[in-house]
Amino acid sequence: MRKNLFSLEGRLALVTGSGQGIGLALAKGLAEHGAAVVLNGRDRARVEGAATGLRETGLVAHVSTFDVTDQKAVEHDVARIEAEIGPIEILVNNAGVQFRSPLDEFPEEEWERLFRTNVTGTFHVAKAVARRMIPRGRGKIINVGSVNSELARQTIAPYSATKGAIRNLTRGMCADWARHGLQINALAPGYFRTELNRALVENAEFSDWLEKRTPARRWGDVDELVGAAVFLASDGSSFVNGHTLYVDGGITASI
């Protein structure tokens, strides 16, 4: 009998930035497909609350509240997770921040914060986890990009630059680590209804523009990211490497 290619039974997944929104939806989806998950974020109360919510539905959830921008904290907590909970077989690098401003007025400190969190943070966590996956000869790393890995929009040029970096960092990780049995891919969401996007969702002019610009003619629901994440985390993607999978209702496919 052919095994279930998309089962995550018996695997441990670390999902950064998973106290709410897309990160929590991805963690929940992985857990529903059999993985034990480690939720991460800087706000312990929020992450603990999210983990409690998953446990109340019968899912296995742990908590780790390191800051992805702190390399020593990352290394410490990844080592602790592996020692106390088990080997991390799936990593979802979702932690990220956003800041909007006209580019000619963009604050230097926000530029630095965006790159420190969105790019350097991804590198810190991937490196700490990959160093442990490599001797085991297997592992899945999913870096969360964006449609802005491919496109740009006014007032978010630095954010787009960070997400473009994620696309190519994913390719670079593949170039270095695929030979060790790791699959490293990026998941790139389009525009989804989340708490962080509430202002855009409630902006009638923006929502009207977005729905006309998107072939699917609507915002995405975060649950619609789960299938792609499960695919990239499972044996079903065993020869998919260095790829960026856009889940965006077709926005990157049309003009």
Protein backbone atom coordinates (compact mmCIF):
# COMPACT_ATOMS: atom_id res chain seq x y z
CA MET A 1 0.00 0.00 0.00
CA ARG A 2 1.33 3.44 -0.91
CA LYS A 3 2.02 5.59 2.12
CA ASN A 4 0.21 8.86 2.66
CA LEU A 5 2.59 11.37 1.07
CA PHE A 6 1.06 14.27 2.98
CA SER A 7 0.99 12.85 6.49
CA LEU A 8 3.13 14.67 9.06
CA GLU A 9 2.60 12.09 11.81
CA GLY A 10 5.47 11.86 14.26
CA ARG A 11 7.21 15.03 13.06
CA LEU A 12 8.06 18.15 15.03
CA ALA A 13 7.55 21.56 13.41
CA LEU A 14 8.86 24.91 14.64
CA VAL A 15 6.84 27.87 13.33
CA THR A 16 8.23 31.31 14.07
CA GLY A 17 5.89 34.28 14.45
CA SER A 18 2.97 31.96 15.16
CA GLY A 19 1.11 33.70 17.97
CA GLN A 20 -1.54 34.93 15.55
CA GLY A 21 -2.45 35.40 11.90
CA ILE A 22 -0.77 33.46 9.13
CA GLY A 23 1.81 31.85 11.42
CA LEU A 24 -0.84 30.45 13.74
CA ALA A 25 -2.94 29.24 10.80
CA LEU A 26 0.08 27.41 9.37
CA ALA A 27 0.97 25.87 12.74
CA LYS A 28 -2.61 24.71 13.23
CA GLY A 29 -2.70 23.22 9.74
CA LEU A 30 0.54 21.29 10.25
CA ALA A 31 -0.74 20.01 13.60
CA GLU A 32 -4.03 18.89 12.05
CA HIS A 33 -1.99 16.80 9.61
CA GLY A 34 -0.17 15.03 12.43
CA ALA A 35 2.78 17.20 13.43
CA ALA A 36 3.58 18.35 16.94
CA VAL A 37 4.19 22.09 16.72
CA VAL A 38 6.32 24.59 18.59
CA LEU A 39 4.75 28.03 18.52
CA ASN A 40 7.08 31.01 18.66
CA GLY A 41 6.80 34.74 19.22
CA ARG A 42 8.11 37.47 21.51
CA ASP A 43 4.81 37.98 23.37
CA ARG A 44 4.69 35.03 25.77
CA ALA A 45 1.08 35.60 26.82
CA ARG A 46 -0.11 35.66 23.22
CA VAL A 47 1.88 32.56 22.25
CA GLU A 48 0.79 30.66 25.36
CA GLY A 49 -2.82 31.56 24.59
CA ALA A 50 -2.46 30.34 21.01
CA ALA A 51 -0.91 27.06 22.19
CA THR A 52 -3.71 26.56 24.72
CA GLY A 53 -6.25 27.04 21.95
CA LEU A 54 -4.60 24.33 19.85
CA ARG A 55 -4.36 21.94 22.79
CA GLU A 56 -8.05 22.40 23.53
CA THR A 57 -8.81 20.93 20.10
CA GLY A 58 -6.61 17.90 20.76
CA LEU A 59 -3.49 19.10 18.95
CA VAL A 60 0.06 18.90 20.31
CA ALA A 61 1.57 22.36 20.83
CA HIS A 62 4.64 23.63 22.67
CA VAL A 63 5.93 27.17 23.20
CA SER A 64 9.27 28.92 22.65
CA THR A 65 9.53 32.70 22.94
CA PHE A 66 12.93 33.58 21.52
CA ASP A 67 13.48 36.72 19.42
CA VAL A 68 14.58 35.72 15.89
CA THR A 69 16.90 38.76 15.71
CA ASP A 70 18.92 37.54 18.73
CA GLN A 71 21.33 34.91 17.40
CA LYS A 72 22.32 33.64 20.85
CA ALA A 73 18.70 33.30 21.94
CA VAL A 74 17.88 31.45 18.72
CA GLU A 75 20.73 28.97 19.21
CA HIS A 76 19.83 28.47 22.88
CA ASP A 77 16.17 27.75 22.25
CA VAL A 78 16.71 25.55 19.20
CA ALA A 79 19.13 23.46 21.29
CA ARG A 80 16.59 23.33 24.13
CA ILE A 81 13.76 22.25 21.81
CA GLU A 82 15.87 19.47 20.35
CA ALA A 83 17.00 18.28 23.80
CA GLU A 84 13.64 18.50 25.58
CA ILE A 85 11.01 17.94 22.88
CA GLY A 86 12.69 16.28 19.92
CA PRO A 87 14.42 16.87 16.58
CA ILE A 88 12.99 19.69 14.51
CA GLU A 89 12.07 18.12 11.17
CA ILE A 90 10.04 21.04 9.81
CA LEU A 91 10.86 24.73 10.16
CA VAL A 92 8.51 27.48 9.01
CA ASN A 93 10.25 30.86 9.05
CA ASN A 94 7.25 33.16 9.34
CA ALA A 95 8.38 35.90 11.76
CA GLY A 96 8.31 39.28 10.06
CA VAL A 97 7.41 42.94 10.39
CA GLN A 98 6.04 45.66 8.12
CA PHE A 99 6.28 49.46 8.02
CA ARG A 100 4.69 51.77 5.45
CA SER A 101 6.09 55.12 4.38
CA PRO A 102 6.96 56.98 1.18
CA LEU A 103 10.42 55.78 0.23
CA ASP A 104 12.00 59.23 0.27
CA GLU A 105 10.80 59.69 3.85
CA PHE A 106 11.45 56.14 5.06
CA PRO A 107 13.06 56.16 8.55
CA GLU A 108 16.52 54.61 8.67
CA GLU A 109 15.69 52.75 11.89
CA GLU A 110 12.66 51.10 10.26
CA TRP A 111 14.75 50.03 7.27
CA GLU A 112 17.18 48.38 9.70
CA ARG A 113 14.36 46.76 11.70
CA LEU A 114 12.76 45.29 8.58
CA PHE A 115 15.98 43.69 7.37
CA ARG A 116 17.04 42.58 10.85
CA THR A 117 13.74 40.76 11.41
CA ASN A 118 12.64 39.62 7.97
CA VAL A 119 16.00 38.57 6.53
CA THR A 120 18.60 38.24 9.28
CA GLY A 121 16.07 36.58 11.60
CA THR A 122 15.22 34.03 8.92
CA PHE A 123 18.93 33.32 8.43
CA HIS A 124 19.57 32.91 12.19
CA VAL A 125 16.78 30.35 12.67
CA ALA A 126 17.40 28.44 9.44
CA LYS A 127 21.10 28.14 10.20
CA ALA A 128 20.54 26.91 13.77
CA VAL A 129 18.00 24.32 12.62
CA ALA A 130 19.84 23.25 9.45
CA ARG A 131 23.03 22.53 11.40
CA ARG A 132 21.05 19.86 13.25
CA MET A 133 19.10 18.60 10.24
CA ILE A 134 22.21 18.06 8.09
CA PRO A 135 23.70 15.19 10.17
CA ARG A 136 20.28 13.49 10.14
CA GLY A 137 20.11 13.71 6.34
CA ARG A 138 16.61 15.15 6.14
CA GLY A 139 14.56 18.23 6.93
CA LYS A 140 12.05 20.72 5.56
CA ILE A 141 12.53 24.48 5.72
CA ILE A 142 9.73 26.77 4.53
CA ASN A 143 10.56 30.47 4.38
CA VAL A 144 7.53 32.72 4.20
CA GLY A 145 7.85 35.24 1.41
CA SER A 146 5.12 37.34 -0.17
CA VAL A 147 3.74 38.46 -3.50
CA ASN A 148 6.16 41.29 -2.77
CA SER A 149 8.96 38.79 -3.33
CA GLU A 150 8.04 39.36 -6.98
CA LEU A 151 6.11 42.64 -7.08
CA ALA A 152 6.34 46.11 -5.59
CA ARG A 153 3.80 48.65 -4.37
CA GLN A 154 4.01 52.24 -3.19
CA THR A 155 5.07 52.87 0.44
CA ILE A 156 6.47 49.36 1.05
CA ALA A 157 9.64 49.29 -1.06
CA PRO A 158 11.91 48.18 1.85
CA TYR A 159 9.48 45.40 2.79
CA SER A 160 9.47 44.27 -0.85
CA ALA A 161 13.27 44.28 -0.77
CA THR A 162 13.27 42.00 2.28
CA LYS A 163 10.83 39.58 0.66
CA GLY A 164 12.81 39.56 -2.56
CA ALA A 165 15.81 38.66 -0.41
CA ILE A 166 13.83 35.78 1.09
CA ARG A 167 13.19 34.38 -2.39
CA ASN A 168 16.90 34.37 -3.24
CA LEU A 169 18.01 33.32 0.25
CA THR A 170 15.73 30.30 -0.21
CA ARG A 171 17.51 29.50 -3.46
CA GLY A 172 20.86 29.91 -1.74
CA MET A 173 19.87 27.58 1.09
CA CYS A 174 18.86 25.03 -1.53
CA ALA A 175 22.22 25.40 -3.29
CA ASP A 176 24.09 24.73 -0.04
CA TRP A 177 21.87 22.26 1.77
CA ALA A 178 19.91 20.19 -0.77
CA ARG A 179 22.82 17.76 -1.12
CA HIS A 180 22.38 16.92 2.57
CA GLY A 181 18.78 15.78 2.07
CA LEU A 182 17.05 19.03 3.01
CA GLN A 183 14.26 20.65 1.01
CA ILE A 184 14.14 24.43 1.33
CA ASN A 185 11.28 26.29 -0.33
CA ALA A 186 9.37 29.53 0.11
CA LEU A 187 5.64 30.01 0.58
CA ALA A 188 4.53 33.39 -0.78
CA PRO A 189 1.07 34.56 0.29
CA GLY A 190 -0.90 37.17 -1.56
CA TYR A 191 -3.38 39.41 0.26
CA PHE A 192 -5.11 37.62 3.12
CA ARG A 193 -7.64 38.74 5.70
CA THR A 194 -5.60 38.93 8.91
CA GLU A 195 -5.53 41.14 11.98
CA LEU A 196 -2.38 42.84 10.67
CA ASN A 197 -4.17 43.64 7.40
CA ARG A 198 -7.34 44.91 9.06
CA ALA A 199 -6.74 48.54 8.04
CA LEU A 200 -6.37 47.49 4.40
CA VAL A 201 -9.36 45.15 4.53
CA GLU A 202 -11.53 47.93 5.99
CA ASN A 203 -10.28 50.46 3.44
CA ALA A 204 -13.02 50.30 0.80
CA GLU A 205 -10.87 51.94 -1.87
CA PHE A 206 -7.97 49.51 -1.34
CA SER A 207 -10.23 46.44 -1.15
CA ASP A 208 -11.96 47.48 -4.36
CA TRP A 209 -8.58 47.93 -6.09
CA LEU A 210 -7.30 44.60 -4.78
CA GLU A 211 -10.38 42.63 -5.81
CA LYS A 212 -10.19 44.07 -9.31
CA ARG A 213 -6.42 43.44 -9.50
CA THR A 214 -6.67 39.80 -8.33
CA PRO A 215 -8.02 37.28 -10.88
CA ALA A 216 -9.87 35.43 -8.10
CA ARG A 217 -11.60 38.76 -7.31
CA ARG A 218 -11.29 38.47 -3.53
CA TRP A 219 -9.06 38.48 -0.47
CA GLY A 220 -7.62 35.14 0.61
CA ASP A 221 -8.57 33.26 3.77
CA VAL A 222 -5.60 32.13 5.87
CA ASP A 223 -6.84 28.53 5.85
CA GLU A 224 -6.18 28.51 2.11
CA LEU A 225 -2.43 28.59 2.84
CA VAL A 226 -2.49 25.31 4.74
CA GLY A 227 -2.55 22.93 1.77
CA ALA A 228 0.54 24.52 0.23
CA ALA A 229 2.37 24.47 3.57
CA VAL A 230 1.51 20.82 4.19
CA PHE A 231 2.72 19.94 0.68
CA LEU A 232 6.05 21.69 1.23
CA ALA A 233 6.42 20.11 4.70
CA SER A 234 5.59 16.58 3.57
CA ASP A 235 7.18 13.76 1.59
CA GLY A 236 5.00 14.87 -1.32
CA SER A 237 7.56 17.59 -2.10
CA SER A 238 10.67 15.41 -1.80
CA PHE A 239 12.15 16.70 -5.10
CA VAL A 240 10.88 20.28 -4.85
CA ASN A 241 13.76 22.53 -3.84
CA GLY A 242 14.59 26.22 -3.99
CA HIS A 243 11.07 26.98 -5.24
CA THR A 244 8.79 29.89 -4.32
CA LEU A 245 5.14 28.84 -4.28
CA TYR A 246 2.77 31.80 -4.70
CA VAL A 247 -0.64 31.41 -3.08
CA ASP A 248 -2.22 34.65 -4.24
CA GLY A 249 -5.40 34.14 -6.23
CA GLY A 250 -3.41 34.72 -9.42
CA ILE A 251 -2.18 38.25 -8.70
CA THR A 252 1.40 37.48 -9.81
CA ALA A 253 0.15 35.77 -12.97
CA SER A 254 -1.64 38.69 -14.55
CA ILE A 255 -1.43 42.42 -15.27
